[in-house]
Structure formats: structure tokens, C-alpha cells
Amino acid sequence: MRPFRLARVAMEAEGVRLRGLLSRIVTRAVLGLVALLFVLGAVVFAHLAVWYWLRTDLNEAFLTATGILGGVDLLVGILLGFLATRSTPSRVEVEALDVRRKAIEAMGSGLSLTRLVIPILQILANLRRKSRN
């Protein structure tokens, strides 16, 4: 019966890990969307101000001012994209993954195919008997 307990522990640990991962992803997505709205508004106003400054004070041509702003936008986009990819799993996720690995390793030594198949066959036989009645 020990392999079944280990399998259940492994499944529960995986569930904890996936719930932590999902929670982290949802939190990051919501915060990212709110931040995106504020950043978008600030970027629009900053673009207008810089474009006006380039055109009036520095007497730059329309295409030159647009090119400068486009280059800065590309640089900021690359920087923000790099920061968005940096995310590490929480302590709970790491511990749950470790528990799952250990349970699966311990399960491998004592688990045989017949130990898995016999309870499944018993369940199927009981279901078949109930469906006939």
C-alpha cells in the first residue's frame, strides 16, 4: 500500500506546486496590465512632449524626431521585455517539486504493474456489477 500513498503524496505536491505557479502567474498578469495602462498614458504624454521639443527647440525635421522617438521606444521595449522574463519560482513551489520528486523516486522501487492493475480491475468489476443491477 506504500506506493499508493507515495503516489498520492506526489500528486498532492504537484497540485500545491501548480496552484502556487498559477497564483503567481495571475498576480503578475493583473499587476502587469495595471502597470501597462499607467505606463502607456505616461509614454503618450512623454512622446508628445519630446516630439514637440525636438520640432520646436532643436528645429529637427519631422522624420528625424520620429526616428529618435522610435529608437528610444525600441530600447525601452527591449529592456522591459528582458525584465518580464526574469521570474523565479517561490519557495513553496520548489519545496513541492522536491517532495514530488522524492515520492516518485521512492515509489519506483516498490511499485509494480500488478499492484496498480489489481485495484483498478476491482473498481471496474464493482462498477460493472452495479450497472447490471
N, C-alpha and C. Protein backbone atom coordinates (compact mmCIF):
# COMPACT_ATOMS: atom_id res chain seq x y z
N MET A 1 0.82 -1.20 0.00
CA MET A 1 0.00 0.00 0.00
C MET A 1 0.87 1.26 0.00
N ARG A 2 2.13 1.13 0.36
CA ARG A 2 3.01 2.28 0.44
C ARG A 2 3.18 3.00 -0.90
N PRO A 3 3.29 2.30 -2.03
CA PRO A 3 3.43 3.01 -3.31
C PRO A 3 2.24 3.89 -3.63
N PHE A 4 1.03 3.46 -3.22
CA PHE A 4 -0.14 4.28 -3.49
C PHE A 4 -0.12 5.55 -2.65
N ARG A 5 0.34 5.44 -1.41
CA ARG A 5 0.46 6.65 -0.58
C ARG A 5 1.49 7.59 -1.17
N LEU A 6 2.59 7.03 -1.64
CA LEU A 6 3.62 7.87 -2.25
C LEU A 6 3.11 8.53 -3.53
N ALA A 7 2.32 7.80 -4.29
CA ALA A 7 1.74 8.39 -5.50
C ALA A 7 0.79 9.52 -5.13
N ARG A 8 0.00 9.33 -4.08
CA ARG A 8 -0.92 10.38 -3.64
C ARG A 8 -0.15 11.59 -3.14
N VAL A 9 0.93 11.35 -2.39
CA VAL A 9 1.77 12.46 -1.90
C VAL A 9 2.37 13.22 -3.09
N ALA A 10 2.83 12.48 -4.09
CA ALA A 10 3.40 13.12 -5.28
C ALA A 10 2.35 13.96 -5.99
N MET A 11 1.13 13.43 -6.11
CA MET A 11 0.07 14.19 -6.77
C MET A 11 -0.31 15.44 -5.98
N GLU A 12 -0.39 15.31 -4.67
CA GLU A 12 -0.72 16.47 -3.84
C GLU A 12 0.37 17.52 -3.90
N ALA A 13 1.62 17.09 -3.90
CA ALA A 13 2.73 18.03 -4.00
C ALA A 13 2.70 18.75 -5.35
N GLU A 14 2.39 18.01 -6.40
CA GLU A 14 2.28 18.63 -7.72
C GLU A 14 1.12 19.63 -7.76
N GLY A 15 0.03 19.29 -7.10
CA GLY A 15 -1.11 20.21 -7.02
C GLY A 15 -0.74 21.50 -6.30
N VAL A 16 -0.02 21.38 -5.19
CA VAL A 16 0.43 22.57 -4.45
C VAL A 16 1.34 23.42 -5.33
N ARG A 17 2.25 22.75 -6.04
CA ARG A 17 3.19 23.48 -6.89
C ARG A 17 2.45 24.20 -8.01
N LEU A 18 1.49 23.52 -8.64
CA LEU A 18 0.75 24.14 -9.74
C LEU A 18 -0.15 25.28 -9.26
N ARG A 19 -0.75 25.13 -8.06
CA ARG A 19 -1.55 26.23 -7.52
C ARG A 19 -0.68 27.44 -7.24
N GLY A 20 0.52 27.23 -6.69
CA GLY A 20 1.44 28.34 -6.46
C GLY A 20 1.86 29.00 -7.75
N LEU A 21 2.13 28.19 -8.76
CA LEU A 21 2.52 28.73 -10.07
C LEU A 21 1.38 29.53 -10.67
N LEU A 22 0.17 28.99 -10.63
CA LEU A 22 -0.99 29.69 -11.19
C LEU A 22 -1.25 31.00 -10.45
N SER A 23 -1.15 30.97 -9.14
CA SER A 23 -1.35 32.18 -8.35
C SER A 23 -0.33 33.25 -8.72
N ARG A 24 0.91 32.83 -8.88
CA ARG A 24 1.97 33.78 -9.25
C ARG A 24 1.73 34.35 -10.64
N ILE A 25 1.31 33.51 -11.57
CA ILE A 25 1.06 33.98 -12.94
C ILE A 25 -0.11 34.96 -12.98
N VAL A 26 -1.20 34.66 -12.27
CA VAL A 26 -2.36 35.54 -12.26
C VAL A 26 -2.00 36.88 -11.63
N THR A 27 -1.30 36.84 -10.51
CA THR A 27 -0.89 38.08 -9.84
C THR A 27 -0.01 38.93 -10.75
N ARG A 28 0.95 38.30 -11.40
CA ARG A 28 1.83 39.04 -12.31
C ARG A 28 1.05 39.61 -13.47
N ALA A 29 0.09 38.87 -14.00
CA ALA A 29 -0.68 39.35 -15.15
C ALA A 29 -1.53 40.56 -14.78
N VAL A 30 -2.21 40.50 -13.63
CA VAL A 30 -3.05 41.62 -13.21
C VAL A 30 -2.19 42.86 -12.94
N LEU A 31 -1.12 42.69 -12.20
CA LEU A 31 -0.25 43.83 -11.92
C LEU A 31 0.37 44.37 -13.21
N GLY A 32 0.72 43.49 -14.10
CA GLY A 32 1.30 43.92 -15.37
C GLY A 32 0.32 44.72 -16.21
N LEU A 33 -0.95 44.31 -16.23
CA LEU A 33 -1.95 45.05 -17.00
C LEU A 33 -2.20 46.44 -16.43
N VAL A 34 -2.30 46.53 -15.11
CA VAL A 34 -2.50 47.84 -14.48
C VAL A 34 -1.29 48.73 -14.73
N ALA A 35 -0.11 48.18 -14.56
CA ALA A 35 1.10 48.96 -14.82
C ALA A 35 1.18 49.38 -16.28
N LEU A 36 0.75 48.51 -17.17
CA LEU A 36 0.77 48.83 -18.59
C LEU A 36 -0.11 50.03 -18.91
N LEU A 37 -1.28 50.11 -18.30
CA LEU A 37 -2.15 51.26 -18.52
C LEU A 37 -1.49 52.56 -18.10
N PHE A 38 -0.88 52.57 -16.93
CA PHE A 38 -0.22 53.78 -16.46
C PHE A 38 1.00 54.14 -17.32
N VAL A 39 1.76 53.14 -17.67
CA VAL A 39 2.94 53.38 -18.50
C VAL A 39 2.53 53.87 -19.88
N LEU A 40 1.47 53.30 -20.42
CA LEU A 40 1.00 53.72 -21.73
C LEU A 40 0.59 55.19 -21.72
N GLY A 41 -0.14 55.60 -20.71
CA GLY A 41 -0.52 57.01 -20.59
C GLY A 41 0.70 57.92 -20.45
N ALA A 42 1.65 57.51 -19.63
CA ALA A 42 2.85 58.33 -19.45
C ALA A 42 3.68 58.40 -20.74
N VAL A 43 3.75 57.29 -21.46
CA VAL A 43 4.53 57.27 -22.70
C VAL A 43 3.89 58.17 -23.76
N VAL A 44 2.58 58.16 -23.82
CA VAL A 44 1.90 59.01 -24.80
C VAL A 44 2.21 60.48 -24.51
N PHE A 45 2.07 60.90 -23.27
CA PHE A 45 2.36 62.29 -22.93
C PHE A 45 3.85 62.63 -23.10
N ALA A 46 4.70 61.69 -22.75
CA ALA A 46 6.14 61.92 -22.93
C ALA A 46 6.48 62.03 -24.41
N HIS A 47 5.87 61.20 -25.24
CA HIS A 47 6.11 61.29 -26.68
C HIS A 47 5.69 62.65 -27.24
N LEU A 48 4.53 63.07 -26.82
CA LEU A 48 4.07 64.37 -27.29
C LEU A 48 5.01 65.49 -26.87
N ALA A 49 5.45 65.45 -25.63
CA ALA A 49 6.34 66.50 -25.12
C ALA A 49 7.70 66.46 -25.82
N VAL A 50 8.27 65.28 -25.97
CA VAL A 50 9.59 65.18 -26.60
C VAL A 50 9.50 65.52 -28.09
N TRP A 51 8.47 65.03 -28.73
CA TRP A 51 8.32 65.33 -30.15
C TRP A 51 8.17 66.84 -30.36
N TYR A 52 7.37 67.50 -29.53
CA TYR A 52 7.19 68.96 -29.62
C TYR A 52 8.52 69.67 -29.35
N TRP A 53 9.27 69.20 -28.35
CA TRP A 53 10.56 69.81 -28.02
C TRP A 53 11.55 69.64 -29.17
N LEU A 54 11.62 68.46 -29.76
CA LEU A 54 12.53 68.23 -30.89
C LEU A 54 12.16 69.10 -32.09
N ARG A 55 10.89 69.24 -32.36
CA ARG A 55 10.44 70.01 -33.52
C ARG A 55 10.65 71.50 -33.32
N THR A 56 10.37 72.02 -32.12
CA THR A 56 10.41 73.47 -31.93
C THR A 56 11.77 73.98 -31.46
N ASP A 57 12.28 73.44 -30.36
CA ASP A 57 13.51 73.98 -29.78
C ASP A 57 14.75 73.57 -30.55
N LEU A 58 14.82 72.33 -31.04
CA LEU A 58 16.00 71.87 -31.76
C LEU A 58 15.85 71.97 -33.28
N ASN A 59 14.71 72.41 -33.73
CA ASN A 59 14.43 72.57 -35.16
C ASN A 59 14.74 71.30 -35.97
N GLU A 60 14.34 70.15 -35.42
CA GLU A 60 14.54 68.88 -36.13
C GLU A 60 13.41 68.67 -37.13
N ALA A 61 13.70 67.91 -38.17
CA ALA A 61 12.68 67.57 -39.16
C ALA A 61 11.72 66.55 -38.57
N PHE A 62 10.57 66.43 -39.21
CA PHE A 62 9.54 65.51 -38.74
C PHE A 62 10.06 64.08 -38.67
N LEU A 63 10.73 63.59 -39.73
CA LEU A 63 11.22 62.22 -39.75
C LEU A 63 12.35 61.99 -38.75
N THR A 64 13.18 62.99 -38.54
CA THR A 64 14.27 62.85 -37.55
C THR A 64 13.70 62.71 -36.14
N ALA A 65 12.76 63.53 -35.80
CA ALA A 65 12.14 63.46 -34.46
C ALA A 65 11.43 62.12 -34.28
N THR A 66 10.75 61.66 -35.32
CA THR A 66 10.06 60.37 -35.25
C THR A 66 11.05 59.22 -35.10
N GLY A 67 12.16 59.27 -35.81
CA GLY A 67 13.19 58.23 -35.72
C GLY A 67 13.83 58.18 -34.34
N ILE A 68 14.08 59.34 -33.76
CA ILE A 68 14.67 59.37 -32.41
C ILE A 68 13.71 58.74 -31.41
N LEU A 69 12.46 59.11 -31.47
CA LEU A 69 11.47 58.54 -30.55
C LEU A 69 11.30 57.04 -30.77
N GLY A 70 11.32 56.60 -32.03
CA GLY A 70 11.20 55.17 -32.32
C GLY A 70 12.36 54.37 -31.76
N GLY A 71 13.57 54.90 -31.86
CA GLY A 71 14.74 54.22 -31.31
C GLY A 71 14.68 54.10 -29.80
N VAL A 72 14.25 55.17 -29.15
CA VAL A 72 14.11 55.13 -27.69
C VAL A 72 13.03 54.13 -27.29
N ASP A 73 11.92 54.11 -28.04
CA ASP A 73 10.85 53.13 -27.76
C ASP A 73 11.36 51.71 -27.89
N LEU A 74 12.14 51.44 -28.92
CA LEU A 74 12.69 50.10 -29.10
C LEU A 74 13.59 49.71 -27.94
N LEU A 75 14.43 50.62 -27.50
CA LEU A 75 15.33 50.36 -26.38
C LEU A 75 14.54 50.07 -25.10
N VAL A 76 13.53 50.87 -24.83
CA VAL A 76 12.70 50.67 -23.63
C VAL A 76 11.95 49.34 -23.73
N GLY A 77 11.44 49.01 -24.92
CA GLY A 77 10.73 47.75 -25.11
C GLY A 77 11.62 46.55 -24.86
N ILE A 78 12.86 46.60 -25.35
CA ILE A 78 13.81 45.51 -25.12
C ILE A 78 14.12 45.37 -23.64
N LEU A 79 14.32 46.48 -22.96
CA LEU A 79 14.61 46.45 -21.53
C LEU A 79 13.44 45.87 -20.74
N LEU A 80 12.22 46.31 -21.04
CA LEU A 80 11.05 45.79 -20.33
C LEU A 80 10.80 44.32 -20.65
N GLY A 81 11.04 43.91 -21.87
CA GLY A 81 10.90 42.50 -22.23
C GLY A 81 11.88 41.63 -21.46
N PHE A 82 13.11 42.11 -21.30
CA PHE A 82 14.11 41.37 -20.52
C PHE A 82 13.67 41.25 -19.06
N LEU A 83 13.16 42.34 -18.49
CA LEU A 83 12.72 42.30 -17.09
C LEU A 83 11.51 41.38 -16.90
N ALA A 84 10.64 41.30 -17.91
CA ALA A 84 9.45 40.45 -17.80
C ALA A 84 9.80 38.97 -17.81
N THR A 85 10.92 38.60 -18.42
CA THR A 85 11.30 37.19 -18.48
C THR A 85 11.98 36.71 -17.21
N ARG A 86 12.35 37.60 -16.34
CA ARG A 86 13.04 37.21 -15.10
C ARG A 86 12.02 36.93 -14.01
N SER A 87 11.82 35.68 -13.72
CA SER A 87 10.89 35.27 -12.67
C SER A 87 11.36 33.93 -12.12
N THR A 88 11.47 33.85 -10.82
CA THR A 88 11.92 32.61 -10.21
C THR A 88 10.76 31.98 -9.42
N PRO A 89 10.73 30.66 -9.34
CA PRO A 89 9.67 30.00 -8.57
C PRO A 89 9.77 30.35 -7.09
N SER A 90 8.61 30.36 -6.41
CA SER A 90 8.59 30.66 -4.98
C SER A 90 9.15 29.47 -4.19
N ARG A 91 9.38 29.69 -2.92
CA ARG A 91 9.90 28.64 -2.04
C ARG A 91 8.92 27.48 -1.95
N VAL A 92 7.64 27.78 -1.90
CA VAL A 92 6.62 26.73 -1.81
C VAL A 92 6.64 25.84 -3.06
N GLU A 93 6.78 26.46 -4.24
CA GLU A 93 6.83 25.68 -5.48
C GLU A 93 8.04 24.77 -5.52
N VAL A 94 9.19 25.29 -5.08
CA VAL A 94 10.42 24.50 -5.09
C VAL A 94 10.31 23.33 -4.12
N GLU A 95 9.77 23.57 -2.93
CA GLU A 95 9.62 22.51 -1.94
C GLU A 95 8.62 21.45 -2.42
N ALA A 96 7.50 21.88 -3.03
CA ALA A 96 6.52 20.93 -3.53
C ALA A 96 7.11 20.07 -4.65
N LEU A 97 7.92 20.67 -5.51
CA LEU A 97 8.57 19.92 -6.57
C LEU A 97 9.55 18.90 -5.99
N ASP A 98 10.25 19.28 -4.93
CA ASP A 98 11.18 18.36 -4.27
C ASP A 98 10.45 17.19 -3.62
N VAL A 99 9.33 17.48 -2.97
CA VAL A 99 8.53 16.42 -2.34
C VAL A 99 8.02 15.46 -3.41
N ARG A 100 7.54 16.01 -4.53
CA ARG A 100 7.04 15.15 -5.61
C ARG A 100 8.15 14.26 -6.16
N ARG A 101 9.33 14.82 -6.37
CA ARG A 101 10.46 14.02 -6.89
C ARG A 101 10.81 12.88 -5.94
N LYS A 102 10.89 13.19 -4.65
CA LYS A 102 11.25 12.17 -3.67
C LYS A 102 10.19 11.07 -3.61
N ALA A 103 8.92 11.46 -3.66
CA ALA A 103 7.85 10.47 -3.60
C ALA A 103 7.88 9.57 -4.84
N ILE A 104 8.14 10.15 -5.99
CA ILE A 104 8.19 9.35 -7.22
C ILE A 104 9.40 8.42 -7.20
N GLU A 105 10.54 8.90 -6.69
CA GLU A 105 11.72 8.04 -6.60
C GLU A 105 11.47 6.88 -5.65
N ALA A 106 10.86 7.14 -4.50
CA ALA A 106 10.58 6.08 -3.54
C ALA A 106 9.51 5.13 -4.07
N MET A 107 8.60 5.66 -4.85
CA MET A 107 7.53 4.85 -5.39
C MET A 107 8.06 3.87 -6.43
N GLY A 108 9.07 4.24 -7.16
CA GLY A 108 9.59 3.41 -8.23
C GLY A 108 10.11 2.07 -7.75
N SER A 109 10.70 2.03 -6.57
CA SER A 109 11.28 0.78 -6.09
C SER A 109 10.22 -0.22 -5.64
N GLY A 110 9.12 0.26 -5.08
CA GLY A 110 8.13 -0.67 -4.56
C GLY A 110 6.90 -0.81 -5.41
N LEU A 111 6.87 -0.18 -6.55
CA LEU A 111 5.69 -0.18 -7.38
C LEU A 111 5.84 -1.15 -8.53
N SER A 112 4.88 -2.00 -8.67
CA SER A 112 4.88 -2.93 -9.80
C SER A 112 3.58 -2.75 -10.56
N LEU A 113 3.56 -3.24 -11.76
CA LEU A 113 2.38 -3.09 -12.60
C LEU A 113 1.18 -3.81 -12.01
N THR A 114 1.39 -4.98 -11.43
CA THR A 114 0.26 -5.72 -10.88
C THR A 114 -0.34 -5.00 -9.67
N ARG A 115 0.47 -4.33 -8.90
CA ARG A 115 -0.05 -3.57 -7.76
C ARG A 115 -0.95 -2.43 -8.23
N LEU A 116 -0.70 -1.91 -9.38
CA LEU A 116 -1.55 -0.85 -9.91
C LEU A 116 -2.79 -1.40 -10.60
N VAL A 117 -2.63 -2.49 -11.32
CA VAL A 117 -3.71 -3.01 -12.14
C VAL A 117 -4.80 -3.67 -11.31
N ILE A 118 -4.44 -4.41 -10.27
CA ILE A 118 -5.42 -5.16 -9.48
C ILE A 118 -6.48 -4.24 -8.86
N PRO A 119 -6.12 -3.14 -8.18
CA PRO A 119 -7.18 -2.26 -7.64
C PRO A 119 -8.05 -1.63 -8.74
N ILE A 120 -7.45 -1.31 -9.85
CA ILE A 120 -8.22 -0.73 -10.95
C ILE A 120 -9.22 -1.76 -11.49
N LEU A 121 -8.78 -3.00 -11.64
CA LEU A 121 -9.68 -4.05 -12.10
C LEU A 121 -10.80 -4.31 -11.10
N GLN A 122 -10.49 -4.23 -9.80
CA GLN A 122 -11.53 -4.42 -8.79
C GLN A 122 -12.57 -3.30 -8.88
N ILE A 123 -12.13 -2.09 -9.09
CA ILE A 123 -13.06 -0.96 -9.21
C ILE A 123 -13.93 -1.14 -10.45
N LEU A 124 -13.31 -1.51 -11.55
CA LEU A 124 -14.08 -1.72 -12.78
C LEU A 124 -15.09 -2.85 -12.63
N ALA A 125 -14.69 -3.93 -11.95
CA ALA A 125 -15.61 -5.05 -11.73
C ALA A 125 -16.79 -4.62 -10.87
N ASN A 126 -16.53 -3.84 -9.83
CA ASN A 126 -17.62 -3.33 -8.98
C ASN A 126 -18.56 -2.43 -9.77
N LEU A 127 -18.00 -1.58 -10.60
CA LEU A 127 -18.85 -0.70 -11.41
C LEU A 127 -19.70 -1.49 -12.40
N ARG A 128 -19.11 -2.53 -12.95
CA ARG A 128 -19.84 -3.36 -13.91
C ARG A 128 -20.99 -4.10 -13.21
N ARG A 129 -20.70 -4.61 -12.00
CA ARG A 129 -21.76 -5.30 -11.24
C ARG A 129 -22.89 -4.34 -10.91
N LYS A 130 -22.56 -3.10 -10.53
CA LYS A 130 -23.58 -2.12 -10.18
C LYS A 130 -24.40 -1.74 -11.40
N SER A 131 -23.77 -1.65 -12.54
CA SER A 131 -24.51 -1.26 -13.76
C SER A 131 -25.47 -2.37 -14.22
N ARG A 132 -25.14 -3.61 -13.90
CA ARG A 132 -26.04 -4.73 -14.26
C ARG A 132 -27.25 -4.78 -13.34
N ASN A 133 -27.09 -4.32 -12.11
CA ASN A 133 -28.19 -4.38 -11.15
C ASN A 133 -29.13 -3.24 -11.30
